[in-house]
Amino acid sequence: MRLGTVVGQVVSTAKEPGLSGFTLLLIEDLDGPPAEAGSVYVAIDLVGAGDGEVVLVATGSGARVSQAAGQASVDSAVVAIADTVIRRGEITYSK
């Protein structure tokens, strides 16, 4: 799983039927180098996350475990919205 920030949204009227009703979010990883062009990725939103929120993203086979997306191919899924992030005993993010 990855920790990231919602930085945008992808709007698509033509998509796999299993994705109907789901929002597609642009996610930027929280850790790592500063954002560079093309460093964001798309994840299906399963929890109702909004712009600027810190989220937990399941990737790979972990993202496909949820039956919420039906039979659609899903590589990344937002599965939680973070309230607090504690790193090495220090609060690094709090909602």
N, C-alpha and C. Protein backbone atom coordinates (compact mmCIF):
# COMPACT_ATOMS: atom_id res chain seq x y z
N MET A 1 0.84 -1.19 0.00
CA MET A 1 0.00 0.00 0.00
C MET A 1 0.88 1.24 0.00
N ARG A 2 0.29 2.32 -0.49
CA ARG A 2 1.00 3.59 -0.61
C ARG A 2 0.19 4.69 0.06
N LEU A 3 0.89 5.70 0.53
CA LEU A 3 0.26 6.87 1.11
C LEU A 3 0.42 8.00 0.12
N GLY A 4 -0.69 8.66 -0.22
CA GLY A 4 -0.61 9.72 -1.21
C GLY A 4 -1.60 10.83 -0.94
N THR A 5 -1.51 11.87 -1.76
CA THR A 5 -2.39 13.02 -1.66
C THR A 5 -3.21 13.12 -2.94
N VAL A 6 -4.51 13.38 -2.78
CA VAL A 6 -5.37 13.57 -3.95
C VAL A 6 -5.06 14.94 -4.53
N VAL A 7 -4.65 14.97 -5.81
CA VAL A 7 -4.28 16.22 -6.46
C VAL A 7 -5.18 16.57 -7.64
N GLY A 8 -6.17 15.73 -7.90
CA GLY A 8 -7.06 16.02 -9.01
C GLY A 8 -8.00 14.86 -9.29
N GLN A 9 -8.65 14.95 -10.43
CA GLN A 9 -9.67 13.97 -10.80
C GLN A 9 -9.62 13.76 -12.31
N VAL A 10 -9.99 12.57 -12.74
CA VAL A 10 -10.13 12.27 -14.16
C VAL A 10 -11.61 12.09 -14.44
N VAL A 11 -12.13 12.84 -15.38
CA VAL A 11 -13.54 12.73 -15.76
C VAL A 11 -13.61 11.96 -17.06
N SER A 12 -14.39 10.89 -17.07
CA SER A 12 -14.51 10.06 -18.25
C SER A 12 -15.95 9.59 -18.41
N THR A 13 -16.58 9.98 -19.50
CA THR A 13 -17.95 9.54 -19.73
C THR A 13 -18.00 8.17 -20.40
N ALA A 14 -16.95 7.82 -21.14
CA ALA A 14 -16.86 6.51 -21.77
C ALA A 14 -15.84 5.68 -21.01
N LYS A 15 -16.31 4.67 -20.29
CA LYS A 15 -15.40 3.83 -19.52
C LYS A 15 -15.98 2.44 -19.34
N GLU A 16 -15.17 1.53 -18.87
CA GLU A 16 -15.57 0.16 -18.57
C GLU A 16 -16.85 0.18 -17.72
N PRO A 17 -17.87 -0.60 -18.07
CA PRO A 17 -19.12 -0.59 -17.31
C PRO A 17 -18.94 -0.83 -15.81
N GLY A 18 -17.95 -1.63 -15.43
CA GLY A 18 -17.71 -1.90 -14.01
C GLY A 18 -17.23 -0.67 -13.24
N LEU A 19 -16.79 0.36 -13.96
CA LEU A 19 -16.32 1.59 -13.31
C LEU A 19 -17.40 2.65 -13.20
N SER A 20 -18.58 2.39 -13.74
CA SER A 20 -19.67 3.35 -13.68
C SER A 20 -20.00 3.68 -12.22
N GLY A 21 -20.15 4.95 -11.95
CA GLY A 21 -20.49 5.38 -10.60
C GLY A 21 -19.29 5.62 -9.70
N PHE A 22 -18.09 5.33 -10.18
CA PHE A 22 -16.88 5.54 -9.38
C PHE A 22 -16.12 6.76 -9.89
N THR A 23 -15.52 7.49 -8.96
CA THR A 23 -14.68 8.62 -9.31
C THR A 23 -13.25 8.13 -9.52
N LEU A 24 -12.58 8.68 -10.50
CA LEU A 24 -11.17 8.37 -10.75
C LEU A 24 -10.35 9.55 -10.26
N LEU A 25 -9.44 9.29 -9.32
CA LEU A 25 -8.66 10.35 -8.70
C LEU A 25 -7.21 10.35 -9.18
N LEU A 26 -6.60 11.53 -9.24
CA LEU A 26 -5.17 11.66 -9.50
C LEU A 26 -4.48 11.69 -8.14
N ILE A 27 -3.51 10.80 -7.95
CA ILE A 27 -2.82 10.66 -6.68
C ILE A 27 -1.33 10.95 -6.86
N GLU A 28 -0.78 11.69 -5.91
CA GLU A 28 0.66 11.94 -5.87
C GLU A 28 1.19 11.29 -4.59
N ASP A 29 2.23 10.47 -4.71
CA ASP A 29 2.78 9.80 -3.52
C ASP A 29 3.24 10.83 -2.50
N LEU A 30 3.00 10.53 -1.23
CA LEU A 30 3.36 11.43 -0.14
C LEU A 30 4.86 11.44 0.10
N ASP A 31 5.48 10.27 0.04
CA ASP A 31 6.92 10.17 0.22
C ASP A 31 7.61 10.16 -1.13
N GLY A 32 8.86 10.51 -1.14
CA GLY A 32 9.61 10.48 -2.38
C GLY A 32 9.99 11.87 -2.83
N PRO A 33 10.56 11.98 -4.02
CA PRO A 33 11.02 13.28 -4.53
C PRO A 33 9.85 14.20 -4.82
N PRO A 34 10.10 15.51 -4.86
CA PRO A 34 9.03 16.47 -5.20
C PRO A 34 8.41 16.12 -6.55
N ALA A 35 7.18 16.53 -6.71
CA ALA A 35 6.44 16.20 -7.94
C ALA A 35 7.17 16.66 -9.19
N GLU A 36 7.24 15.77 -10.15
CA GLU A 36 7.78 16.08 -11.47
C GLU A 36 6.66 15.80 -12.46
N ALA A 37 6.78 16.33 -13.65
CA ALA A 37 5.76 16.10 -14.67
C ALA A 37 5.54 14.61 -14.87
N GLY A 38 4.30 14.17 -14.79
CA GLY A 38 3.97 12.77 -15.02
C GLY A 38 4.15 11.88 -13.80
N SER A 39 4.36 12.45 -12.62
CA SER A 39 4.61 11.62 -11.44
C SER A 39 3.34 11.24 -10.68
N VAL A 40 2.19 11.62 -11.19
CA VAL A 40 0.93 11.25 -10.55
C VAL A 40 0.34 10.01 -11.23
N TYR A 41 -0.55 9.33 -10.54
CA TYR A 41 -1.20 8.16 -11.13
C TYR A 41 -2.68 8.19 -10.80
N VAL A 42 -3.46 7.40 -11.50
CA VAL A 42 -4.91 7.36 -11.33
C VAL A 42 -5.29 6.18 -10.44
N ALA A 43 -6.24 6.42 -9.53
CA ALA A 43 -6.77 5.35 -8.68
C ALA A 43 -8.28 5.50 -8.59
N ILE A 44 -8.97 4.39 -8.55
CA ILE A 44 -10.41 4.41 -8.37
C ILE A 44 -10.70 4.76 -6.90
N ASP A 45 -11.72 5.58 -6.68
CA ASP A 45 -12.05 6.02 -5.32
C ASP A 45 -13.16 5.16 -4.76
N LEU A 46 -12.85 4.40 -3.71
CA LEU A 46 -13.84 3.53 -3.07
C LEU A 46 -14.39 4.12 -1.79
N VAL A 47 -13.86 5.29 -1.35
CA VAL A 47 -14.24 5.82 -0.04
C VAL A 47 -14.73 7.26 -0.04
N GLY A 48 -14.79 7.92 -1.18
CA GLY A 48 -15.29 9.29 -1.24
C GLY A 48 -14.26 10.34 -0.86
N ALA A 49 -13.01 10.15 -1.24
CA ALA A 49 -11.94 11.10 -0.92
C ALA A 49 -12.08 12.37 -1.75
N GLY A 50 -11.56 13.47 -1.20
CA GLY A 50 -11.63 14.75 -1.90
C GLY A 50 -10.26 15.34 -2.15
N ASP A 51 -10.24 16.40 -2.91
CA ASP A 51 -9.00 17.08 -3.29
C ASP A 51 -8.22 17.51 -2.04
N GLY A 52 -6.92 17.22 -2.04
CA GLY A 52 -6.05 17.60 -0.95
C GLY A 52 -5.98 16.62 0.21
N GLU A 53 -6.85 15.62 0.22
CA GLU A 53 -6.85 14.66 1.33
C GLU A 53 -5.70 13.65 1.18
N VAL A 54 -5.20 13.21 2.32
CA VAL A 54 -4.18 12.17 2.35
C VAL A 54 -4.91 10.83 2.40
N VAL A 55 -4.53 9.93 1.50
CA VAL A 55 -5.26 8.67 1.35
C VAL A 55 -4.32 7.47 1.34
N LEU A 56 -4.88 6.31 1.63
CA LEU A 56 -4.15 5.05 1.54
C LEU A 56 -4.60 4.37 0.25
N VAL A 57 -3.62 3.99 -0.57
CA VAL A 57 -3.92 3.41 -1.88
C VAL A 57 -3.40 1.98 -1.94
N ALA A 58 -4.30 1.05 -2.23
CA ALA A 58 -3.91 -0.34 -2.47
C ALA A 58 -3.56 -0.47 -3.94
N THR A 59 -2.48 -1.19 -4.24
CA THR A 59 -2.07 -1.35 -5.62
C THR A 59 -1.91 -2.82 -5.96
N GLY A 60 -1.83 -3.10 -7.25
CA GLY A 60 -1.64 -4.46 -7.71
C GLY A 60 -2.80 -5.36 -7.33
N SER A 61 -2.50 -6.59 -6.93
CA SER A 61 -3.55 -7.55 -6.61
C SER A 61 -4.38 -7.11 -5.42
N GLY A 62 -3.82 -6.32 -4.52
CA GLY A 62 -4.57 -5.80 -3.37
C GLY A 62 -5.70 -4.90 -3.79
N ALA A 63 -5.54 -4.17 -4.88
CA ALA A 63 -6.58 -3.28 -5.38
C ALA A 63 -7.70 -4.08 -6.02
N ARG A 64 -7.39 -5.27 -6.53
CA ARG A 64 -8.38 -6.07 -7.23
C ARG A 64 -9.19 -6.94 -6.29
N VAL A 65 -8.84 -6.99 -5.03
CA VAL A 65 -9.57 -7.83 -4.07
C VAL A 65 -11.00 -7.35 -3.91
N SER A 66 -11.20 -6.03 -3.90
CA SER A 66 -12.53 -5.47 -3.70
C SER A 66 -13.44 -5.82 -4.86
N GLN A 67 -14.62 -6.29 -4.56
CA GLN A 67 -15.60 -6.60 -5.59
C GLN A 67 -16.40 -5.35 -5.98
N ALA A 68 -16.13 -4.23 -5.30
CA ALA A 68 -16.88 -3.00 -5.56
C ALA A 68 -16.75 -2.55 -7.01
N ALA A 69 -15.64 -2.83 -7.64
CA ALA A 69 -15.42 -2.38 -9.02
C ALA A 69 -15.88 -3.42 -10.04
N GLY A 70 -16.61 -4.43 -9.60
CA GLY A 70 -17.11 -5.43 -10.53
C GLY A 70 -16.00 -6.17 -11.23
N GLN A 71 -16.14 -6.35 -12.54
CA GLN A 71 -15.14 -7.08 -13.31
C GLN A 71 -14.14 -6.16 -14.00
N ALA A 72 -14.16 -4.87 -13.69
CA ALA A 72 -13.26 -3.93 -14.33
C ALA A 72 -11.81 -4.14 -13.87
N SER A 73 -10.88 -3.83 -14.75
CA SER A 73 -9.46 -3.89 -14.40
C SER A 73 -9.12 -2.68 -13.55
N VAL A 74 -8.64 -2.93 -12.35
CA VAL A 74 -8.26 -1.85 -11.43
C VAL A 74 -6.88 -2.14 -10.89
N ASP A 75 -5.95 -1.22 -11.08
CA ASP A 75 -4.58 -1.40 -10.62
C ASP A 75 -4.30 -0.67 -9.32
N SER A 76 -5.05 0.43 -9.06
CA SER A 76 -4.87 1.22 -7.85
C SER A 76 -6.23 1.64 -7.34
N ALA A 77 -6.44 1.50 -6.02
CA ALA A 77 -7.73 1.86 -5.43
C ALA A 77 -7.51 2.59 -4.12
N VAL A 78 -8.19 3.74 -3.96
CA VAL A 78 -8.16 4.46 -2.69
C VAL A 78 -9.06 3.71 -1.73
N VAL A 79 -8.49 3.22 -0.63
CA VAL A 79 -9.23 2.38 0.30
C VAL A 79 -9.42 3.01 1.67
N ALA A 80 -8.78 4.15 1.95
CA ALA A 80 -8.95 4.82 3.23
C ALA A 80 -8.53 6.28 3.12
N ILE A 81 -9.13 7.12 3.96
CA ILE A 81 -8.75 8.52 4.08
C ILE A 81 -8.05 8.66 5.43
N ALA A 82 -6.83 9.18 5.42
CA ALA A 82 -6.04 9.29 6.65
C ALA A 82 -6.54 10.44 7.53
N ASP A 83 -6.65 10.19 8.82
CA ASP A 83 -6.94 11.24 9.79
C ASP A 83 -5.64 11.78 10.37
N THR A 84 -4.71 10.86 10.65
CA THR A 84 -3.41 11.22 11.22
C THR A 84 -2.36 10.27 10.67
N VAL A 85 -1.16 10.81 10.41
CA VAL A 85 -0.02 10.00 10.01
C VAL A 85 1.07 10.23 11.06
N ILE A 86 1.53 9.15 11.67
CA ILE A 86 2.58 9.23 12.68
C ILE A 86 3.79 8.50 12.13
N ARG A 87 4.91 9.21 12.04
CA ARG A 87 6.13 8.63 11.49
C ARG A 87 7.25 8.77 12.52
N ARG A 88 7.80 7.63 12.90
CA ARG A 88 8.87 7.60 13.91
C ARG A 88 8.47 8.33 15.18
N GLY A 89 7.21 8.12 15.60
CA GLY A 89 6.71 8.70 16.83
C GLY A 89 6.30 10.16 16.73
N GLU A 90 6.38 10.74 15.55
CA GLU A 90 6.06 12.15 15.37
C GLU A 90 4.88 12.28 14.41
N ILE A 91 3.92 13.11 14.75
CA ILE A 91 2.77 13.34 13.88
C ILE A 91 3.24 14.18 12.70
N THR A 92 3.14 13.61 11.49
CA THR A 92 3.58 14.32 10.29
C THR A 92 2.40 14.86 9.50
N TYR A 93 1.19 14.37 9.83
CA TYR A 93 -0.02 14.87 9.17
C TYR A 93 -1.19 14.66 10.12
N SER A 94 -2.04 15.67 10.20
CA SER A 94 -3.27 15.56 10.98
C SER A 94 -4.35 16.34 10.26
N LYS A 95 -5.49 15.73 10.07
CA LYS A 95 -6.59 16.32 9.32
C LYS A 95 -7.12 17.56 10.01
